[in-house]
């Protein structure tokens, strides 16, 4: 598979984005992971949680129909 590149910009005029950008800039101080691995792990975790939430919602919907 061909490598996929993503560029992220953090706007300094947005307080939240500036805070996240500063964290990413200093990431090596917080963890042993590279920025690339850190972002990949975040996205992967989000994907897993989203799938789990979808399954739970489907299960709840089936229970509602049964009741």
Protein backbone atom coordinates (compact mmCIF):
# COMPACT_ATOMS: atom_id res chain seq x y z
CA UNK A 1 0.00 0.00 0.00
CA UNK A 2 1.22 3.46 -0.85
CA UNK A 3 1.99 5.65 2.20
CA UNK A 4 -0.68 8.22 3.00
CA UNK A 5 0.40 11.67 4.20
CA UNK A 6 -1.75 14.05 6.21
CA UNK A 7 -0.89 17.62 7.13
CA UNK A 8 -2.52 19.16 10.20
CA UNK A 9 -2.59 22.87 10.91
CA UNK A 10 -3.29 24.29 14.34
CA UNK A 11 -4.63 27.84 14.27
CA UNK A 12 -2.95 29.96 16.92
CA UNK A 13 -6.00 32.26 16.91
CA UNK A 14 -8.17 29.43 18.27
CA UNK A 15 -7.40 28.80 21.95
CA UNK A 16 -8.25 25.09 21.83
CA UNK A 17 -6.27 24.45 18.64
CA UNK A 18 -3.32 26.44 19.97
CA UNK A 19 -3.31 24.32 23.14
CA UNK A 20 -3.46 21.07 21.15
CA UNK A 21 -0.75 22.35 18.79
CA UNK A 22 1.52 23.16 21.73
CA UNK A 23 0.96 19.67 23.13
CA UNK A 24 1.85 18.11 19.78
CA UNK A 25 4.92 20.32 19.45
CA UNK A 26 6.15 19.12 22.87
CA UNK A 27 4.95 15.52 22.45
CA UNK A 28 8.35 13.94 23.09
CA UNK A 29 8.22 15.43 26.59
CA UNK A 30 4.94 13.59 27.30
CA UNK A 31 5.45 10.20 25.69
CA UNK A 32 8.04 8.00 24.02
CA UNK A 33 5.91 7.79 20.87
CA UNK A 34 6.59 9.65 17.67
CA UNK A 35 3.98 12.19 16.60
CA UNK A 36 3.06 9.90 13.74
CA UNK A 37 2.50 6.87 16.00
CA UNK A 38 0.65 9.01 18.55
CA UNK A 39 -1.85 10.26 15.93
CA UNK A 40 -2.27 6.79 14.41
CA UNK A 41 -3.02 5.34 17.87
CA UNK A 42 -5.55 8.11 18.55
CA UNK A 43 -7.36 7.51 15.27
CA UNK A 44 -7.28 3.74 15.76
CA UNK A 45 -8.72 4.09 19.26
CA UNK A 46 -11.45 6.36 17.95
CA UNK A 47 -12.32 3.83 15.23
CA UNK A 48 -12.57 1.00 17.79
CA UNK A 49 -14.75 3.07 20.13
CA UNK A 50 -17.01 4.11 17.26
CA UNK A 51 -17.48 0.50 16.19
CA UNK A 52 -18.17 -0.58 19.78
CA UNK A 53 -20.70 2.22 20.19
CA UNK A 54 -22.42 1.20 16.95
CA UNK A 55 -22.67 -2.42 18.14
CA UNK A 56 -24.03 -1.35 21.53
CA UNK A 57 -26.63 0.87 19.89
CA UNK A 58 -27.70 -1.99 17.62
CA UNK A 59 -27.98 -4.29 20.65
CA UNK A 60 -30.05 -1.73 22.57
CA UNK A 61 -32.33 -1.27 19.56
CA UNK A 62 -32.87 -5.05 19.30
CA UNK A 63 -33.73 -5.16 23.01
CA UNK A 64 -36.25 -2.32 22.56
CA UNK A 65 -37.91 -4.21 19.74
CA UNK A 66 -38.12 -7.36 21.85
CA UNK A 67 -39.71 -5.49 24.75
